[in-house]
Amino acid sequence: MTLSTPSWQTIQQAADRLRQGAAHEQAIDIYTQALSHRDVPWTEYCAMTLARADSRQMLGETAAMDADLTALADQAAKRGDYATRATALTELAMALREGLRELS
């Protein structure tokens, strides 16, 4: 009996490849598909959400990036995962700071 790769994992791998190839719009769509699966483990959910937020930042989608990272930070706090909360908020602060720097 062989174990098949969960569908979310196959989708995540495709999204990772798209992101690495700078196909950020497509990567966002594919990460969104993967994140919609109920069986995604928390650590992978976090990784995909951070990756999707990075793609949003690369496209200048600041509001959507903010929403992703803020929601992740809130979910992490509810779970008591303060390391992930700190990571999400730090990523958000750095991205917003970079955006302000580009404006000046």
PDB file of N, CA and C in Angstrom:
ATOM      1  N   MET A   1       0.850  -1.182   0.000  1.00  0.00           N
ATOM      2  CA  MET A   1       0.000   0.000   0.000  1.00  0.00           C
ATOM      3  C   MET A   1       0.888   1.235   0.000  1.00  0.00           C
ATOM      4  N   THR A   2       0.654   2.123  -0.931  1.00  0.00           N
ATOM      5  CA  THR A   2       1.436   3.359  -0.994  1.00  0.00           C
ATOM      6  C   THR A   2       0.575   4.519  -0.531  1.00  0.00           C
ATOM      7  N   LEU A   3       1.225   5.442   0.122  1.00  0.00           N
ATOM      8  CA  LEU A   3       0.520   6.630   0.574  1.00  0.00           C
ATOM      9  C   LEU A   3       0.600   7.691  -0.507  1.00  0.00           C
ATOM     10  N   SER A   4      -0.519   8.281  -0.794  1.00  0.00           N
ATOM     11  CA  SER A   4      -0.508   9.342  -1.799  1.00  0.00           C
ATOM     12  C   SER A   4      -0.246  10.678  -1.122  1.00  0.00           C
ATOM     13  N   THR A   5       0.331  11.584  -1.859  1.00  0.00           N
ATOM     14  CA  THR A   5       0.579  12.925  -1.357  1.00  0.00           C
ATOM     15  C   THR A   5      -0.749  13.645  -1.209  1.00  0.00           C
ATOM     16  N   PRO A   6      -0.980  14.272  -0.065  1.00  0.00           N
ATOM     17  CA  PRO A   6      -2.244  15.015   0.082  1.00  0.00           C
ATOM     18  C   PRO A   6      -2.386  16.075  -1.003  1.00  0.00           C
ATOM     19  N   SER A   7      -3.591  16.296  -1.414  1.00  0.00           N
ATOM     20  CA  SER A   7      -3.817  17.238  -2.509  1.00  0.00           C
ATOM     21  C   SER A   7      -3.311  18.643  -2.173  1.00  0.00           C
ATOM     22  N   TRP A   8      -3.433  19.056  -0.925  1.00  0.00           N
ATOM     23  CA  TRP A   8      -2.941  20.384  -0.563  1.00  0.00           C
ATOM     24  C   TRP A   8      -1.434  20.468  -0.755  1.00  0.00           C
ATOM     25  N   GLN A   9      -0.733  19.357  -0.496  1.00  0.00           N
ATOM     26  CA  GLN A   9       0.727  19.369  -0.610  1.00  0.00           C
ATOM     27  C   GLN A   9       1.165  19.479  -2.071  1.00  0.00           C
ATOM     28  N   THR A  10       0.483  18.791  -2.949  1.00  0.00           N
ATOM     29  CA  THR A  10       0.784  18.883  -4.375  1.00  0.00           C
ATOM     30  C   THR A  10       0.541  20.303  -4.870  1.00  0.00           C
ATOM     31  N   ILE A  11      -0.552  20.886  -4.422  1.00  0.00           N
ATOM     32  CA  ILE A  11      -0.883  22.259  -4.817  1.00  0.00           C
ATOM     33  C   ILE A  11       0.149  23.225  -4.256  1.00  0.00           C
ATOM     34  N   GLN A  12       0.557  23.020  -2.998  1.00  0.00           N
ATOM     35  CA  GLN A  12       1.570  23.880  -2.382  1.00  0.00           C
ATOM     36  C   GLN A  12       2.874  23.834  -3.173  1.00  0.00           C
ATOM     37  N   GLN A  13       3.279  22.661  -3.585  1.00  0.00           N
ATOM     38  CA  GLN A  13       4.516  22.529  -4.354  1.00  0.00           C
ATOM     39  C   GLN A  13       4.431  23.295  -5.668  1.00  0.00           C
ATOM     40  N   ALA A  14       3.287  23.246  -6.314  1.00  0.00           N
ATOM     41  CA  ALA A  14       3.101  23.998  -7.558  1.00  0.00           C
ATOM     42  C   ALA A  14       3.180  25.500  -7.291  1.00  0.00           C
ATOM     43  N   ALA A  15       2.552  25.937  -6.206  1.00  0.00           N
ATOM     44  CA  ALA A  15       2.584  27.358  -5.858  1.00  0.00           C
ATOM     45  C   ALA A  15       4.006  27.807  -5.525  1.00  0.00           C
ATOM     46  N   ASP A  16       4.736  26.971  -4.809  1.00  0.00           N
ATOM     47  CA  ASP A  16       6.129  27.302  -4.476  1.00  0.00           C
ATOM     48  C   ASP A  16       6.966  27.490  -5.746  1.00  0.00           C
ATOM     49  N   ARG A  17       6.760  26.600  -6.709  1.00  0.00           N
ATOM     50  CA  ARG A  17       7.509  26.717  -7.977  1.00  0.00           C
ATOM     51  C   ARG A  17       7.137  28.004  -8.712  1.00  0.00           C
ATOM     52  N   LEU A  18       5.863  28.330  -8.734  1.00  0.00           N
ATOM     53  CA  LEU A  18       5.423  29.567  -9.393  1.00  0.00           C
ATOM     54  C   LEU A  18       6.035  30.786  -8.709  1.00  0.00           C
ATOM     55  N   ARG A  19       6.033  30.784  -7.391  1.00  0.00           N
ATOM     56  CA  ARG A  19       6.597  31.918  -6.637  1.00  0.00           C
ATOM     57  C   ARG A  19       8.089  32.057  -6.896  1.00  0.00           C
ATOM     58  N   GLN A  20       8.780  30.934  -6.917  1.00  0.00           N
ATOM     59  CA  GLN A  20      10.216  30.969  -7.198  1.00  0.00           C
ATOM     60  C   GLN A  20      10.500  31.482  -8.605  1.00  0.00           C
ATOM     61  N   GLY A  21       9.573  31.242  -9.508  1.00  0.00           N
ATOM     62  CA  GLY A  21       9.713  31.720 -10.881  1.00  0.00           C
ATOM     63  C   GLY A  21       9.138  33.117 -11.083  1.00  0.00           C
ATOM     64  N   ALA A  22       8.780  33.773 -10.010  1.00  0.00           N
ATOM     65  CA  ALA A  22       8.252  35.141 -10.018  1.00  0.00           C
ATOM     66  C   ALA A  22       6.894  35.251 -10.721  1.00  0.00           C
ATOM     67  N   ALA A  23       6.150  34.159 -10.768  1.00  0.00           N
ATOM     68  CA  ALA A  23       4.791  34.187 -11.303  1.00  0.00           C
ATOM     69  C   ALA A  23       3.846  34.395 -10.116  1.00  0.00           C
ATOM     70  N   HIS A  24       3.923  35.577  -9.525  1.00  0.00           N
ATOM     71  CA  HIS A  24       3.270  35.843  -8.250  1.00  0.00           C
ATOM     72  C   HIS A  24       1.747  35.810  -8.317  1.00  0.00           C
ATOM     73  N   GLU A  25       1.150  36.314  -9.377  1.00  0.00           N
ATOM     74  CA  GLU A  25      -0.310  36.285  -9.486  1.00  0.00           C
ATOM     75  C   GLU A  25      -0.823  34.849  -9.468  1.00  0.00           C
ATOM     76  N   GLN A  26      -0.177  33.997 -10.239  1.00  0.00           N
ATOM     77  CA  GLN A  26      -0.575  32.592 -10.275  1.00  0.00           C
ATOM     78  C   GLN A  26      -0.295  31.920  -8.937  1.00  0.00           C
ATOM     79  N   ALA A  27       0.842  32.232  -8.331  1.00  0.00           N
ATOM     80  CA  ALA A  27       1.183  31.636  -7.043  1.00  0.00           C
ATOM     81  C   ALA A  27       0.127  31.964  -5.993  1.00  0.00           C
ATOM     82  N   ILE A  28      -0.346  33.198  -5.976  1.00  0.00           N
ATOM     83  CA  ILE A  28      -1.382  33.608  -5.022  1.00  0.00           C
ATOM     84  C   ILE A  28      -2.634  32.754  -5.207  1.00  0.00           C
ATOM     85  N   ASP A  29      -3.052  32.582  -6.442  1.00  0.00           N
ATOM     86  CA  ASP A  29      -4.241  31.768  -6.725  1.00  0.00           C
ATOM     87  C   ASP A  29      -4.053  30.327  -6.250  1.00  0.00           C
ATOM     88  N   ILE A  30      -2.887  29.776  -6.512  1.00  0.00           N
ATOM     89  CA  ILE A  30      -2.632  28.375  -6.164  1.00  0.00           C
ATOM     90  C   ILE A  30      -2.496  28.215  -4.646  1.00  0.00           C
ATOM     91  N   TYR A  31      -1.802  29.153  -3.980  1.00  0.00           N
ATOM     92  CA  TYR A  31      -1.748  29.093  -2.509  1.00  0.00           C
ATOM     93  C   TYR A  31      -3.151  29.172  -1.915  1.00  0.00           C
ATOM     94  N   THR A  32      -3.993  30.024  -2.481  1.00  0.00           N
ATOM     95  CA  THR A  32      -5.361  30.162  -1.981  1.00  0.00           C
ATOM     96  C   THR A  32      -6.108  28.841  -2.101  1.00  0.00           C
ATOM     97  N   GLN A  33      -5.906  28.140  -3.206  1.00  0.00           N
ATOM     98  CA  GLN A  33      -6.530  26.822  -3.380  1.00  0.00           C
ATOM     99  C   GLN A  33      -6.039  25.845  -2.318  1.00  0.00           C
ATOM    100  N   ALA A  34      -4.731  25.815  -2.115  1.00  0.00           N
ATOM    101  CA  ALA A  34      -4.160  24.888  -1.134  1.00  0.00           C
ATOM    102  C   ALA A  34      -4.650  25.209   0.274  1.00  0.00           C
ATOM    103  N   LEU A  35      -4.714  26.494   0.601  1.00  0.00           N
ATOM    104  CA  LEU A  35      -5.138  26.902   1.945  1.00  0.00           C
ATOM    105  C   LEU A  35      -6.606  26.599   2.215  1.00  0.00           C
ATOM    106  N   SER A  36      -7.382  26.388   1.174  1.00  0.00           N
ATOM    107  CA  SER A  36      -8.808  26.096   1.366  1.00  0.00           C
ATOM    108  C   SER A  36      -9.056  24.659   1.821  1.00  0.00           C
ATOM    109  N   HIS A  37      -8.056  23.803   1.754  1.00  0.00           N
ATOM    110  CA  HIS A  37      -8.213  22.417   2.196  1.00  0.00           C
ATOM    111  C   HIS A  37      -8.238  22.357   3.720  1.00  0.00           C
ATOM    112  N   ARG A  38      -9.132  21.566   4.256  1.00  0.00           N
ATOM    113  CA  ARG A  38      -9.310  21.478   5.706  1.00  0.00           C
ATOM    114  C   ARG A  38      -8.190  20.718   6.413  1.00  0.00           C
ATOM    115  N   ASP A  39      -7.490  19.870   5.697  1.00  0.00           N
ATOM    116  CA  ASP A  39      -6.499  19.005   6.345  1.00  0.00           C
ATOM    117  C   ASP A  39      -5.077  19.566   6.324  1.00  0.00           C
ATOM    118  N   VAL A  40      -4.919  20.845   6.065  1.00  0.00           N
ATOM    119  CA  VAL A  40      -3.592  21.455   6.037  1.00  0.00           C
ATOM    120  C   VAL A  40      -3.094  21.613   7.477  1.00  0.00           C
ATOM    121  N   PRO A  41      -1.941  21.036   7.790  1.00  0.00           N
ATOM    122  CA  PRO A  41      -1.386  21.197   9.133  1.00  0.00           C
ATOM    123  C   PRO A  41      -1.037  22.670   9.405  1.00  0.00           C
ATOM    124  N   TRP A  42      -1.089  23.055  10.665  1.00  0.00           N
ATOM    125  CA  TRP A  42      -0.852  24.440  11.064  1.00  0.00           C
ATOM    126  C   TRP A  42       0.477  24.968  10.541  1.00  0.00           C
ATOM    127  N   THR A  43       1.549  24.218  10.663  1.00  0.00           N
ATOM    128  CA  THR A  43       2.860  24.714  10.224  1.00  0.00           C
ATOM    129  C   THR A  43       2.871  24.999   8.731  1.00  0.00           C
ATOM    130  N   GLU A  44       2.213  24.156   7.960  1.00  0.00           N
ATOM    131  CA  GLU A  44       2.149  24.367   6.514  1.00  0.00           C
ATOM    132  C   GLU A  44       1.205  25.505   6.174  1.00  0.00           C
ATOM    133  N   TYR A  45       0.136  25.626   6.927  1.00  0.00           N
ATOM    134  CA  TYR A  45      -0.791  26.740   6.743  1.00  0.00           C
ATOM    135  C   TYR A  45      -0.040  28.062   6.929  1.00  0.00           C
ATOM    136  N   CYS A  46       0.773  28.116   7.970  1.00  0.00           N
ATOM    137  CA  CYS A  46       1.560  29.326   8.240  1.00  0.00           C
ATOM    138  C   CYS A  46       2.536  29.610   7.103  1.00  0.00           C
ATOM    139  N   ALA A  47       3.254  28.590   6.688  1.00  0.00           N
ATOM    140  CA  ALA A  47       4.247  28.765   5.620  1.00  0.00           C
ATOM    141  C   ALA A  47       3.591  29.250   4.329  1.00  0.00           C
ATOM    142  N   MET A  48       2.464  28.671   3.980  1.00  0.00           N
ATOM    143  CA  MET A  48       1.784  29.085   2.747  1.00  0.00           C
ATOM    144  C   MET A  48       1.208  30.491   2.864  1.00  0.00           C
ATOM    145  N   THR A  49       0.699  30.836   4.022  1.00  0.00           N
ATOM    146  CA  THR A  49       0.156  32.182   4.210  1.00  0.00           C
ATOM    147  C   THR A  49       1.269  33.216   4.119  1.00  0.00           C
ATOM    148  N   LEU A  50       2.409  32.930   4.718  1.00  0.00           N
ATOM    149  CA  LEU A  50       3.553  33.846   4.622  1.00  0.00           C
ATOM    150  C   LEU A  50       4.040  33.963   3.177  1.00  0.00           C
ATOM    151  N   ALA A  51       4.069  32.846   2.464  1.00  0.00           N
ATOM    152  CA  ALA A  51       4.503  32.865   1.065  1.00  0.00           C
ATOM    153  C   ALA A  51       3.523  33.652   0.195  1.00  0.00           C
ATOM    154  N   ARG A  52       2.228  33.447   0.442  1.00  0.00           N
ATOM    155  CA  ARG A  52       1.218  34.193  -0.324  1.00  0.00           C
ATOM    156  C   ARG A  52       1.338  35.691  -0.038  1.00  0.00           C
ATOM    157  N   ALA A  53       1.563  36.045   1.213  1.00  0.00           N
ATOM    158  CA  ALA A  53       1.738  37.455   1.574  1.00  0.00           C
ATOM    159  C   ALA A  53       2.963  38.045   0.875  1.00  0.00           C
ATOM    160  N   ASP A  54       4.031  37.259   0.773  1.00  0.00           N
ATOM    161  CA  ASP A  54       5.231  37.725   0.077  1.00  0.00           C
ATOM    162  C   ASP A  54       4.928  37.994  -1.394  1.00  0.00           C
ATOM    163  N   SER A  55       4.179  37.099  -2.013  1.00  0.00           N
ATOM    164  CA  SER A  55       3.807  37.322  -3.421  1.00  0.00           C
ATOM    165  C   SER A  55       2.939  38.567  -3.558  1.00  0.00           C
ATOM    166  N   ARG A  56       2.048  38.769  -2.611  1.00  0.00           N
ATOM    167  CA  ARG A  56       1.214  39.972  -2.646  1.00  0.00           C
ATOM    168  C   ARG A  56       2.086  41.226  -2.529  1.00  0.00           C
ATOM    169  N   GLN A  57       3.080  41.163  -1.664  1.00  0.00           N
ATOM    170  CA  GLN A  57       3.992  42.303  -1.512  1.00  0.00           C
ATOM    171  C   GLN A  57       4.744  42.563  -2.817  1.00  0.00           C
ATOM    172  N   MET A  58       5.198  41.512  -3.463  1.00  0.00           N
ATOM    173  CA  MET A  58       5.935  41.664  -4.720  1.00  0.00           C
ATOM    174  C   MET A  58       5.079  42.321  -5.798  1.00  0.00           C
ATOM    175  N   LEU A  59       3.766  42.138  -5.717  1.00  0.00           N
ATOM    176  CA  LEU A  59       2.845  42.740  -6.687  1.00  0.00           C
ATOM    177  C   LEU A  59       2.330  44.106  -6.232  1.00  0.00           C
ATOM    178  N   GLY A  60       2.746  44.533  -5.057  1.00  0.00           N
ATOM    179  CA  GLY A  60       2.292  45.820  -4.541  1.00  0.00           C
ATOM    180  C   GLY A  60       0.884  45.779  -3.979  1.00  0.00           C
ATOM    181  N   GLU A  61       0.390  44.597  -3.655  1.00  0.00           N
ATOM    182  CA  GLU A  61      -0.948  44.431  -3.090  1.00  0.00           C
ATOM    183  C   GLU A  61      -0.877  44.564  -1.569  1.00  0.00           C
ATOM    184  N   THR A  62      -0.608  45.787  -1.117  1.00  0.00           N
ATOM    185  CA  THR A  62      -0.346  46.035   0.289  1.00  0.00           C
ATOM    186  C   THR A  62      -1.533  45.695   1.186  1.00  0.00           C
ATOM    187  N   ALA A  63      -2.722  46.079   0.801  1.00  0.00           N
ATOM    188  CA  ALA A  63      -3.894  45.818   1.637  1.00  0.00           C
ATOM    189  C   ALA A  63      -4.142  44.312   1.792  1.00  0.00           C
ATOM    190  N   ALA A  64      -4.004  43.566   0.718  1.00  0.00           N
ATOM    191  CA  ALA A  64      -4.211  42.118   0.781  1.00  0.00           C
ATOM    192  C   ALA A  64      -3.107  41.448   1.599  1.00  0.00           C
ATOM    193  N   MET A  65      -1.870  41.927   1.447  1.00  0.00           N
ATOM    194  CA  MET A  65      -0.757  41.398   2.233  1.00  0.00           C
ATOM    195  C   MET A  65      -1.001  41.663   3.709  1.00  0.00           C
ATOM    196  N   ASP A  66      -1.420  42.878   4.028  1.00  0.00           N
ATOM    197  CA  ASP A  66      -1.730  43.257   5.407  1.00  0.00           C
ATOM    198  C   ASP A  66      -2.816  42.341   5.969  1.00  0.00           C
ATOM    199  N   ALA A  67      -3.860  42.109   5.193  1.00  0.00           N
ATOM    200  CA  ALA A  67      -4.966  41.253   5.650  1.00  0.00           C
ATOM    201  C   ALA A  67      -4.488  39.832   5.929  1.00  0.00           C
ATOM    202  N   ASP A  68      -3.668  39.283   5.031  1.00  0.00           N
ATOM    203  CA  ASP A  68      -3.129  37.933   5.234  1.00  0.00           C
ATOM    204  C   ASP A  68      -2.318  37.846   6.521  1.00  0.00           C
ATOM    205  N   LEU A  69      -1.389  38.774   6.685  1.00  0.00           N
ATOM    206  CA  LEU A  69      -0.476  38.711   7.829  1.00  0.00           C
ATOM    207  C   LEU A  69      -1.178  39.033   9.147  1.00  0.00           C
ATOM    208  N   THR A  70      -2.115  39.967   9.117  1.00  0.00           N
ATOM    209  CA  THR A  70      -2.867  40.301  10.328  1.00  0.00           C
ATOM    210  C   THR A  70      -3.739  39.115  10.757  1.00  0.00           C
ATOM    211  N   ALA A  71      -4.391  38.489   9.797  1.00  0.00           N
ATOM    212  CA  ALA A  71      -5.225  37.315  10.105  1.00  0.00           C
ATOM    213  C   ALA A  71      -4.366  36.175  10.651  1.00  0.00           C
ATOM    214  N   LEU A  72      -3.204  35.959  10.060  1.00  0.00           N
ATOM    215  CA  LEU A  72      -2.309  34.907  10.546  1.00  0.00           C
ATOM    216  C   LEU A  72      -1.858  35.216  11.973  1.00  0.00           C
ATOM    217  N   ALA A  73      -1.500  36.456  12.245  1.00  0.00           N
ATOM    218  CA  ALA A  73      -1.081  36.841  13.592  1.00  0.00           C
ATOM    219  C   ALA A  73      -2.207  36.613  14.593  1.00  0.00           C
ATOM    220  N   ASP A  74      -3.432  36.951  14.220  1.00  0.00           N
ATOM    221  CA  ASP A  74      -4.584  36.747  15.104  1.00  0.00           C
ATOM    222  C   ASP A  74      -4.826  35.256  15.368  1.00  0.00           C
ATOM    223  N   GLN A  75      -4.770  34.456  14.309  1.00  0.00           N
ATOM    224  CA  GLN A  75      -4.970  33.011  14.472  1.00  0.00           C
ATOM    225  C   GLN A  75      -3.874  32.412  15.349  1.00  0.00           C
ATOM    226  N   ALA A  76      -2.653  32.858  15.139  1.00  0.00           N
ATOM    227  CA  ALA A  76      -1.528  32.339  15.925  1.00  0.00           C
ATOM    228  C   ALA A  76      -1.698  32.696  17.401  1.00  0.00           C
ATOM    229  N   ALA A  77      -2.134  33.913  17.676  1.00  0.00           N
ATOM    230  CA  ALA A  77      -2.343  34.331  19.067  1.00  0.00           C
ATOM    231  C   ALA A  77      -3.408  33.466  19.733  1.00  0.00           C
ATOM    232  N   LYS A  78      -4.481  33.166  19.016  1.00  0.00           N
ATOM    233  CA  LYS A  78      -5.546  32.319  19.571  1.00  0.00           C
ATOM    234  C   LYS A  78      -5.051  30.913  19.877  1.00  0.00           C
ATOM    235  N   ARG A  79      -4.055  30.455  19.107  1.00  0.00           N
ATOM    236  CA  ARG A  79      -3.491  29.123  19.314  1.00  0.00           C
ATOM    237  C   ARG A  79      -2.362  29.126  20.347  1.00  0.00           C
ATOM    238  N   GLY A  80      -1.942  30.305  20.757  1.00  0.00           N
ATOM    239  CA  GLY A  80      -0.806  30.396  21.668  1.00  0.00           C
ATOM    240  C   GLY A  80       0.532  30.235  20.959  1.00  0.00           C
ATOM    241  N   ASP A  81       0.527  30.405  19.646  1.00  0.00           N
ATOM    242  CA  ASP A  81       1.752  30.282  18.835  1.00  0.00           C
ATOM    243  C   ASP A  81       2.339  31.680  18.653  1.00  0.00           C
ATOM    244  N   TYR A  82       3.049  32.116  19.669  1.00  0.00           N
ATOM    245  CA  TYR A  82       3.561  33.483  19.666  1.00  0.00           C
ATOM    246  C   TYR A  82       4.749  33.675  18.733  1.00  0.00           C
ATOM    247  N   ALA A  83       5.440  32.599  18.410  1.00  0.00           N
ATOM    248  CA  ALA A  83       6.534  32.704  17.437  1.00  0.00           C
ATOM    249  C   ALA A  83       5.975  33.040  16.055  1.00  0.00           C
ATOM    250  N   THR A  84       4.916  32.371  15.656  1.00  0.00           N
ATOM    251  CA  THR A  84       4.300  32.656  14.362  1.00  0.00           C
ATOM    252  C   THR A  84       3.665  34.038  14.369  1.00  0.00           C
ATOM    253  N   ARG A  85       3.051  34.407  15.490  1.00  0.00           N
ATOM    254  CA  ARG A  85       2.464  35.751  15.596  1.00  0.00           C
ATOM    255  C   ARG A  85       3.542  36.806  15.404  1.00  0.00           C
ATOM    256  N   ALA A  86       4.671  36.607  16.061  1.00  0.00           N
ATOM    257  CA  ALA A  86       5.777  37.564  15.932  1.00  0.00           C
ATOM    258  C   ALA A  86       6.305  37.597  14.505  1.00  0.00           C
ATOM    259  N   THR A  87       6.412  36.449  13.875  1.00  0.00           N
ATOM    260  CA  THR A  87       6.899  36.393  12.493  1.00  0.00           C
ATOM    261  C   THR A  87       5.958  37.161  11.572  1.00  0.00           C
ATOM    262  N   ALA A  88       4.657  36.922  11.690  1.00  0.00           N
ATOM    263  CA  ALA A  88       3.685  37.594  10.820  1.00  0.00           C
ATOM    264  C   ALA A  88       3.721  39.102  11.020  1.00  0.00           C
ATOM    265  N   LEU A  89       3.761  39.544  12.278  1.00  0.00           N
ATOM    266  CA  LEU A  89       3.773  40.981  12.543  1.00  0.00           C
ATOM    267  C   LEU A  89       5.088  41.620  12.117  1.00  0.00           C
ATOM    268  N   THR A  90       6.181  40.903  12.269  1.00  0.00           N
ATOM    269  CA  THR A  90       7.475  41.422  11.825  1.00  0.00           C
ATOM    270  C   THR A  90       7.512  41.557  10.309  1.00  0.00           C
ATOM    271  N   GLU A  91       7.012  40.544   9.607  1.00  0.00           N
ATOM    272  CA  GLU A  91       6.955  40.605   8.140  1.00  0.00           C
ATOM    273  C   GLU A  91       6.104  41.793   7.694  1.00  0.00           C
ATOM    274  N   LEU A  92       4.991  41.987   8.360  1.00  0.00           N
ATOM    275  CA  LEU A  92       4.106  43.102   8.021  1.00  0.00           C
ATOM    276  C   LEU A  92       4.811  44.437   8.259  1.00  0.00           C
ATOM    277  N   ALA A  93       5.433  44.586   9.410  1.00  0.00           N
ATOM    278  CA  ALA A  93       6.120  45.846   9.725  1.00  0.00           C
ATOM    279  C   ALA A  93       7.247  46.121   8.733  1.00  0.00           C
ATOM    280  N   MET A  94       8.011  45.098   8.375  1.00  0.00           N
ATOM    281  CA  MET A  94       9.113  45.286   7.434  1.00  0.00           C
ATOM    282  C   MET A  94       8.596  45.674   6.056  1.00  0.00           C
ATOM    283  N   ALA A  95       7.522  45.031   5.621  1.00  0.00           N
ATOM    284  CA  ALA A  95       6.960  45.342   4.302  1.00  0.00           C
ATOM    285  C   ALA A  95       6.417  46.762   4.266  1.00  0.00           C
ATOM    286  N   LEU A  96       5.708  47.151   5.311  1.00  0.00           N
ATOM    287  CA  LEU A  96       5.169  48.510   5.356  1.00  0.00           C
ATOM    288  C   LEU A  96       6.283  49.541   5.443  1.00  0.00           C
ATOM    289  N   ARG A  97       7.314  49.230   6.180  1.00  0.00           N
ATOM    290  CA  ARG A  97       8.457  50.145   6.274  1.00  0.00           C
ATOM    291  C   ARG A  97       9.126  50.304   4.912  1.00  0.00           C
ATOM    292  N   GLU A  98       9.289  49.209   4.208  1.00  0.00           N
ATOM    293  CA  GLU A  98       9.881  49.254   2.862  1.00  0.00           C
ATOM    294  C   GLU A  98       9.021  50.091   1.930  1.00  0.00           C
ATOM    295  N   GLY A  99       7.704  49.926   2.054  1.00  0.00           N
ATOM    296  CA  GLY A  99       6.789  50.704   1.220  1.00  0.00           C
ATOM    297  C   GLY A  99       6.904  52.190   1.499  1.00  0.00           C
ATOM    298  N   LEU A 100       7.051  52.547   2.753  1.00  0.00           N
ATOM    299  CA  LEU A 100       7.227  53.968   3.113  1.00  0.00           C
ATOM    300  C   LEU A 100       8.547  54.497   2.578  1.00  0.00           C
ATOM    301  N   ARG A 101       9.567  53.688   2.638  1.00  0.00           N
ATOM    302  CA  ARG A 101      10.878  54.085   2.143  1.00  0.00           C
ATOM    303  C   ARG A 101      10.829  54.357   0.648  1.00  0.00           C
ATOM    304  N   GLU A 102      10.074  53.540  -0.075  1.00  0.00           N
ATOM    305  CA  GLU A 102       9.952  53.726  -1.526  1.00  0.00           C
ATOM    306  C   GLU A 102       9.200  55.013  -1.866  1.00  0.00           C
ATOM    307  N   LEU A 103       8.303  55.424  -0.987  1.00  0.00           N
ATOM    308  CA  LEU A 103       7.533  56.653  -1.231  1.00  0.00           C
ATOM    309  C   LEU A 103       8.351  57.909  -1.014  1.00  0.00           C
ATOM    310  N   SER A 104       9.390  57.827  -0.182  1.00  0.00           N
ATOM    311  CA  SER A 104      10.157  59.046   0.105  1.00  0.00           C
ATOM    312  C   SER A 104      11.285  59.282  -0.862  1.00  0.00           C
TER     313      SER A 104
END
